[in-house]
Amino acid sequence: MKKAEELALKENRSLLVLDTREGDPSNDLYLSLGYIASGMIPKFAKSANGDMDATVFYHKIID
């Protein structure tokens, strides 16, 4: 993630946006890196067993 942020800065980007399935361990990772939960869409991401789970969107402003 740090490398992606460095590359984004080199390309004059200032806002990063991503999403992940609600409840995945990646949610904790993104929060620990300073990303802010922006919202959630229910029944958006299909799990391996075929269930439709919510996805959480995150954003981070970089300088």
PDB file of N, CA and C in Angstrom:
ATOM      1  N   MET A   1       0.829  -1.181   0.000  1.00  0.00           N
ATOM      2  CA  MET A   1       0.000   0.000   0.000  1.00  0.00           C
ATOM      3  C   MET A   1       0.879   1.253   0.000  1.00  0.00           C
ATOM      4  N   LYS A   2       1.957   1.206   0.763  1.00  0.00           N
ATOM      5  CA  LYS A   2       2.849   2.378   0.800  1.00  0.00           C
ATOM      6  C   LYS A   2       3.421   2.652  -0.586  1.00  0.00           C
ATOM      7  N   LYS A   3       3.808   1.585  -1.301  1.00  0.00           N
ATOM      8  CA  LYS A   3       4.346   1.745  -2.655  1.00  0.00           C
ATOM      9  C   LYS A   3       3.287   2.333  -3.584  1.00  0.00           C
ATOM     10  N   ALA A   4       2.044   1.894  -3.448  1.00  0.00           N
ATOM     11  CA  ALA A   4       0.954   2.434  -4.277  1.00  0.00           C
ATOM     12  C   ALA A   4       0.748   3.915  -3.986  1.00  0.00           C
ATOM     13  N   GLU A   5       0.846   4.291  -2.719  1.00  0.00           N
ATOM     14  CA  GLU A   5       0.697   5.699  -2.351  1.00  0.00           C
ATOM     15  C   GLU A   5       1.843   6.534  -2.907  1.00  0.00           C
ATOM     16  N   GLU A   6       3.066   6.003  -2.854  1.00  0.00           N
ATOM     17  CA  GLU A   6       4.223   6.711  -3.411  1.00  0.00           C
ATOM     18  C   GLU A   6       4.055   6.921  -4.911  1.00  0.00           C
ATOM     19  N   LEU A   7       3.607   5.895  -5.601  1.00  0.00           N
ATOM     20  CA  LEU A   7       3.379   6.004  -7.043  1.00  0.00           C
ATOM     21  C   LEU A   7       2.285   7.019  -7.350  1.00  0.00           C
ATOM     22  N   ALA A   8       1.230   7.004  -6.570  1.00  0.00           N
ATOM     23  CA  ALA A   8       0.136   7.964  -6.768  1.00  0.00           C
ATOM     24  C   ALA A   8       0.641   9.398  -6.621  1.00  0.00           C
ATOM     25  N   LEU A   9       1.485   9.632  -5.619  1.00  0.00           N
ATOM     26  CA  LEU A   9       2.048  10.968  -5.431  1.00  0.00           C
ATOM     27  C   LEU A   9       2.900  11.385  -6.626  1.00  0.00           C
ATOM     28  N   LYS A  10       3.685  10.454  -7.142  1.00  0.00           N
ATOM     29  CA  LYS A  10       4.522  10.752  -8.312  1.00  0.00           C
ATOM     30  C   LYS A  10       3.676  11.117  -9.519  1.00  0.00           C
ATOM     31  N   GLU A  11       2.461  10.588  -9.563  1.00  0.00           N
ATOM     32  CA  GLU A  11       1.550  10.870 -10.676  1.00  0.00           C
ATOM     33  C   GLU A  11       0.586  12.011 -10.360  1.00  0.00           C
ATOM     34  N   ASN A  12       0.944  12.789  -9.321  1.00  0.00           N
ATOM     35  CA  ASN A  12       0.168  13.970  -8.920  1.00  0.00           C
ATOM     36  C   ASN A  12      -1.267  13.642  -8.526  1.00  0.00           C
ATOM     37  N   ARG A  13      -1.457  12.509  -7.916  1.00  0.00           N
ATOM     38  CA  ARG A  13      -2.771  12.134  -7.381  1.00  0.00           C
ATOM     39  C   ARG A  13      -2.829  12.568  -5.926  1.00  0.00           C
ATOM     40  N   SER A  14      -3.998  12.924  -5.469  1.00  0.00           N
ATOM     41  CA  SER A  14      -4.127  13.351  -4.075  1.00  0.00           C
ATOM     42  C   SER A  14      -5.233  12.612  -3.323  1.00  0.00           C
ATOM     43  N   LEU A  15      -6.039  11.836  -4.033  1.00  0.00           N
ATOM     44  CA  LEU A  15      -7.135  11.115  -3.399  1.00  0.00           C
ATOM     45  C   LEU A  15      -7.109   9.661  -3.854  1.00  0.00           C
ATOM     46  N   LEU A  16      -7.039   8.752  -2.885  1.00  0.00           N
ATOM     47  CA  LEU A  16      -7.083   7.327  -3.182  1.00  0.00           C
ATOM     48  C   LEU A  16      -8.409   6.763  -2.692  1.00  0.00           C
ATOM     49  N   VAL A  17      -9.012   5.877  -3.479  1.00  0.00           N
ATOM     50  CA  VAL A  17     -10.295   5.269  -3.143  1.00  0.00           C
ATOM     51  C   VAL A  17     -10.173   3.768  -3.382  1.00  0.00           C
ATOM     52  N   LEU A  18     -10.700   2.982  -2.456  1.00  0.00           N
ATOM     53  CA  LEU A  18     -10.687   1.531  -2.611  1.00  0.00           C
ATOM     54  C   LEU A  18     -11.899   0.941  -1.919  1.00  0.00           C
ATOM     55  N   ASP A  19     -12.137  -0.335  -2.194  1.00  0.00           N
ATOM     56  CA  ASP A  19     -13.228  -1.008  -1.488  1.00  0.00           C
ATOM     57  C   ASP A  19     -12.832  -2.438  -1.189  1.00  0.00           C
ATOM     58  N   THR A  20     -13.469  -3.020  -0.194  1.00  0.00           N
ATOM     59  CA  THR A  20     -13.245  -4.404   0.188  1.00  0.00           C
ATOM     60  C   THR A  20     -14.509  -4.950   0.833  1.00  0.00           C
ATOM     61  N   ARG A  21     -14.597  -6.254   0.849  1.00  0.00           N
ATOM     62  CA  ARG A  21     -15.787  -6.892   1.415  1.00  0.00           C
ATOM     63  C   ARG A  21     -15.847  -6.656   2.927  1.00  0.00           C
ATOM     64  N   GLU A  22     -17.019  -6.328   3.407  1.00  0.00           N
ATOM     65  CA  GLU A  22     -17.219  -6.100   4.842  1.00  0.00           C
ATOM     66  C   GLU A  22     -16.813  -7.355   5.624  1.00  0.00           C
ATOM     67  N   GLY A  23     -16.043  -7.157   6.681  1.00  0.00           N
ATOM     68  CA  GLY A  23     -15.630  -8.256   7.533  1.00  0.00           C
ATOM     69  C   GLY A  23     -14.302  -8.889   7.161  1.00  0.00           C
ATOM     70  N   ASP A  24     -13.762  -8.589   5.982  1.00  0.00           N
ATOM     71  CA  ASP A  24     -12.459  -9.129   5.597  1.00  0.00           C
ATOM     72  C   ASP A  24     -11.360  -8.502   6.449  1.00  0.00           C
ATOM     73  N   PRO A  25     -10.252  -9.216   6.689  1.00  0.00           N
ATOM     74  CA  PRO A  25      -9.137  -8.660   7.460  1.00  0.00           C
ATOM     75  C   PRO A  25      -8.559  -7.383   6.849  1.00  0.00           C
ATOM     76  N   SER A  26      -8.731  -7.215   5.547  1.00  0.00           N
ATOM     77  CA  SER A  26      -8.196  -6.015   4.888  1.00  0.00           C
ATOM     78  C   SER A  26      -8.820  -4.734   5.433  1.00  0.00           C
ATOM     79  N   ASN A  27     -10.024  -4.816   5.980  1.00  0.00           N
ATOM     80  CA  ASN A  27     -10.644  -3.619   6.557  1.00  0.00           C
ATOM     81  C   ASN A  27      -9.767  -3.041   7.662  1.00  0.00           C
ATOM     82  N   ASP A  28      -9.253  -3.901   8.543  1.00  0.00           N
ATOM     83  CA  ASP A  28      -8.374  -3.442   9.623  1.00  0.00           C
ATOM     84  C   ASP A  28      -7.076  -2.875   9.071  1.00  0.00           C
ATOM     85  N   LEU A  29      -6.549  -3.503   8.025  1.00  0.00           N
ATOM     86  CA  LEU A  29      -5.316  -3.006   7.407  1.00  0.00           C
ATOM     87  C   LEU A  29      -5.509  -1.593   6.886  1.00  0.00           C
ATOM     88  N   TYR A  30      -6.565  -1.373   6.108  1.00  0.00           N
ATOM     89  CA  TYR A  30      -6.788  -0.053   5.526  1.00  0.00           C
ATOM     90  C   TYR A  30      -6.993   1.010   6.608  1.00  0.00           C
ATOM     91  N   LEU A  31      -7.733   0.680   7.644  1.00  0.00           N
ATOM     92  CA  LEU A  31      -7.919   1.633   8.738  1.00  0.00           C
ATOM     93  C   LEU A  31      -6.589   1.952   9.417  1.00  0.00           C
ATOM     94  N   SER A  32      -5.735   0.944   9.593  1.00  0.00           N
ATOM     95  CA  SER A  32      -4.443   1.166  10.246  1.00  0.00           C
ATOM     96  C   SER A  32      -3.512   2.029   9.401  1.00  0.00           C
ATOM     97  N   LEU A  33      -3.765   2.081   8.086  1.00  0.00           N
ATOM     98  CA  LEU A  33      -2.947   2.892   7.192  1.00  0.00           C
ATOM     99  C   LEU A  33      -3.516   4.293   6.975  1.00  0.00           C
ATOM    100  N   GLY A  34      -4.567   4.627   7.717  1.00  0.00           N
ATOM    101  CA  GLY A  34      -5.115   5.974   7.645  1.00  0.00           C
ATOM    102  C   GLY A  34      -6.253   6.166   6.667  1.00  0.00           C
ATOM    103  N   TYR A  35      -6.755   5.091   6.082  1.00  0.00           N
ATOM    104  CA  TYR A  35      -7.913   5.210   5.197  1.00  0.00           C
ATOM    105  C   TYR A  35      -9.170   5.413   6.034  1.00  0.00           C
ATOM    106  N   ILE A  36     -10.114   6.138   5.492  1.00  0.00           N
ATOM    107  CA  ILE A  36     -11.351   6.465   6.193  1.00  0.00           C
ATOM    108  C   ILE A  36     -12.507   5.756   5.493  1.00  0.00           C
ATOM    109  N   ALA A  37     -13.328   5.050   6.268  1.00  0.00           N
ATOM    110  CA  ALA A  37     -14.504   4.400   5.696  1.00  0.00           C
ATOM    111  C   ALA A  37     -15.472   5.473   5.219  1.00  0.00           C
ATOM    112  N   SER A  38     -15.825   5.410   3.936  1.00  0.00           N
ATOM    113  CA  SER A  38     -16.673   6.431   3.317  1.00  0.00           C
ATOM    114  C   SER A  38     -18.115   5.991   3.171  1.00  0.00           C
ATOM    115  N   GLY A  39     -18.342   4.690   3.150  1.00  0.00           N
ATOM    116  CA  GLY A  39     -19.706   4.192   2.991  1.00  0.00           C
ATOM    117  C   GLY A  39     -19.710   2.716   2.698  1.00  0.00           C
ATOM    118  N   MET A  40     -20.919   2.184   2.599  1.00  0.00           N
ATOM    119  CA  MET A  40     -21.083   0.752   2.384  1.00  0.00           C
ATOM    120  C   MET A  40     -22.235   0.523   1.416  1.00  0.00           C
ATOM    121  N   ILE A  41     -22.081  -0.504   0.587  1.00  0.00           N
ATOM    122  CA  ILE A  41     -23.152  -0.908  -0.312  1.00  0.00           C
ATOM    123  C   ILE A  41     -23.510  -2.347   0.054  1.00  0.00           C
ATOM    124  N   PRO A  42     -24.764  -2.605   0.425  1.00  0.00           N
ATOM    125  CA  PRO A  42     -25.153  -3.971   0.794  1.00  0.00           C
ATOM    126  C   PRO A  42     -25.242  -4.881  -0.430  1.00  0.00           C
ATOM    127  N   LYS A  43     -24.996  -6.169  -0.198  1.00  0.00           N
ATOM    128  CA  LYS A  43     -25.151  -7.199  -1.232  1.00  0.00           C
ATOM    129  C   LYS A  43     -24.442  -6.836  -2.536  1.00  0.00           C
ATOM    130  N   PHE A  44     -23.187  -6.398  -2.431  1.00  0.00           N
ATOM    131  CA  PHE A  44     -22.422  -5.934  -3.588  1.00  0.00           C
ATOM    132  C   PHE A  44     -21.341  -6.919  -4.009  1.00  0.00           C
ATOM    133  N   ALA A  45     -20.721  -7.608  -3.037  1.00  0.00           N
ATOM    134  CA  ALA A  45     -19.583  -8.484  -3.323  1.00  0.00           C
ATOM    135  C   ALA A  45     -19.983  -9.942  -3.125  1.00  0.00           C
ATOM    136  N   LYS A  46     -19.704 -10.753  -4.115  1.00  0.00           N
ATOM    137  CA  LYS A  46     -20.054 -12.174  -4.034  1.00  0.00           C
ATOM    138  C   LYS A  46     -18.929 -12.931  -3.331  1.00  0.00           C
ATOM    139  N   SER A  47     -19.275 -13.668  -2.286  1.00  0.00           N
ATOM    140  CA  SER A  47     -18.287 -14.452  -1.548  1.00  0.00           C
ATOM    141  C   SER A  47     -18.043 -15.781  -2.258  1.00  0.00           C
ATOM    142  N   ALA A  48     -17.041 -16.516  -1.794  1.00  0.00           N
ATOM    143  CA  ALA A  48     -16.691 -17.801  -2.404  1.00  0.00           C
ATOM    144  C   ALA A  48     -17.850 -18.799  -2.344  1.00  0.00           C
ATOM    145  N   ASN A  49     -18.702 -18.675  -1.315  1.00  0.00           N
ATOM    146  CA  ASN A  49     -19.826 -19.613  -1.206  1.00  0.00           C
ATOM    147  C   ASN A  49     -21.083 -19.117  -1.918  1.00  0.00           C
ATOM    148  N   GLY A  50     -20.976 -17.990  -2.610  1.00  0.00           N
ATOM    149  CA  GLY A  50     -22.090 -17.474  -3.395  1.00  0.00           C
ATOM    150  C   GLY A  50     -22.956 -16.453  -2.700  1.00  0.00           C
ATOM    151  N   ASP A  51     -22.713 -16.222  -1.398  1.00  0.00           N
ATOM    152  CA  ASP A  51     -23.473 -15.191  -0.676  1.00  0.00           C
ATOM    153  C   ASP A  51     -23.103 -13.806  -1.190  1.00  0.00           C
ATOM    154  N   MET A  52     -24.041 -12.905  -1.142  1.00  0.00           N
ATOM    155  CA  MET A  52     -23.779 -11.517  -1.509  1.00  0.00           C
ATOM    156  C   MET A  52     -23.536 -10.723  -0.227  1.00  0.00           C
ATOM    157  N   ASP A  53     -22.333 -10.190  -0.100  1.00  0.00           N
ATOM    158  CA  ASP A  53     -21.932  -9.432   1.089  1.00  0.00           C
ATOM    159  C   ASP A  53     -21.822  -7.953   0.780  1.00  0.00           C
ATOM    160  N   ALA A  54     -21.826  -7.169   1.837  1.00  0.00           N
ATOM    161  CA  ALA A  54     -21.642  -5.721   1.685  1.00  0.00           C
ATOM    162  C   ALA A  54     -20.186  -5.425   1.334  1.00  0.00           C
ATOM    163  N   THR A  55     -19.977  -4.327   0.639  1.00  0.00           N
ATOM    164  CA  THR A  55     -18.625  -3.829   0.397  1.00  0.00           C
ATOM    165  C   THR A  55     -18.490  -2.483   1.086  1.00  0.00           C
ATOM    166  N   VAL A  56     -17.313  -2.218   1.623  1.00  0.00           N
ATOM    167  CA  VAL A  56     -17.026  -0.960   2.297  1.00  0.00           C
ATOM    168  C   VAL A  56     -16.058  -0.167   1.440  1.00  0.00           C
ATOM    169  N   PHE A  57     -16.382   1.094   1.192  1.00  0.00           N
ATOM    170  CA  PHE A  57     -15.506   1.985   0.440  1.00  0.00           C
ATOM    171  C   PHE A  57     -14.678   2.816   1.406  1.00  0.00           C
ATOM    172  N   TYR A  58     -13.415   3.012   1.062  1.00  0.00           N
ATOM    173  CA  TYR A  58     -12.475   3.789   1.857  1.00  0.00           C
ATOM    174  C   TYR A  58     -11.842   4.855   0.981  1.00  0.00           C
ATOM    175  N   HIS A  59     -11.409   5.946   1.638  1.00  0.00           N
ATOM    176  CA  HIS A  59     -10.652   6.966   0.908  1.00  0.00           C
ATOM    177  C   HIS A  59      -9.521   7.469   1.794  1.00  0.00           C
ATOM    178  N   LYS A  60      -8.517   8.051   1.144  1.00  0.00           N
ATOM    179  CA  LYS A  60      -7.402   8.664   1.850  1.00  0.00           C
ATOM    180  C   LYS A  60      -6.858   9.802   1.010  1.00  0.00           C
ATOM    181  N   ILE A  61      -6.699  10.953   1.636  1.00  0.00           N
ATOM    182  CA  ILE A  61      -6.080  12.095   0.970  1.00  0.00           C
ATOM    183  C   ILE A  61      -4.583  12.027   1.261  1.00  0.00           C
ATOM    184  N   ILE A  62      -3.787  12.079   0.208  1.00  0.00           N
ATOM    185  CA  ILE A  62      -2.330  12.011   0.373  1.00  0.00           C
ATOM    186  C   ILE A  62      -1.710  13.331  -0.064  1.00  0.00           C
ATOM    187  N   ASP A  63      -0.586  13.678   0.552  1.00  0.00           N
ATOM    188  CA  ASP A  63       0.121  14.916   0.202  1.00  0.00           C
ATOM    189  C   ASP A  63       1.518  14.595  -0.260  1.00  0.00           C
TER     190      ASP A  63
END
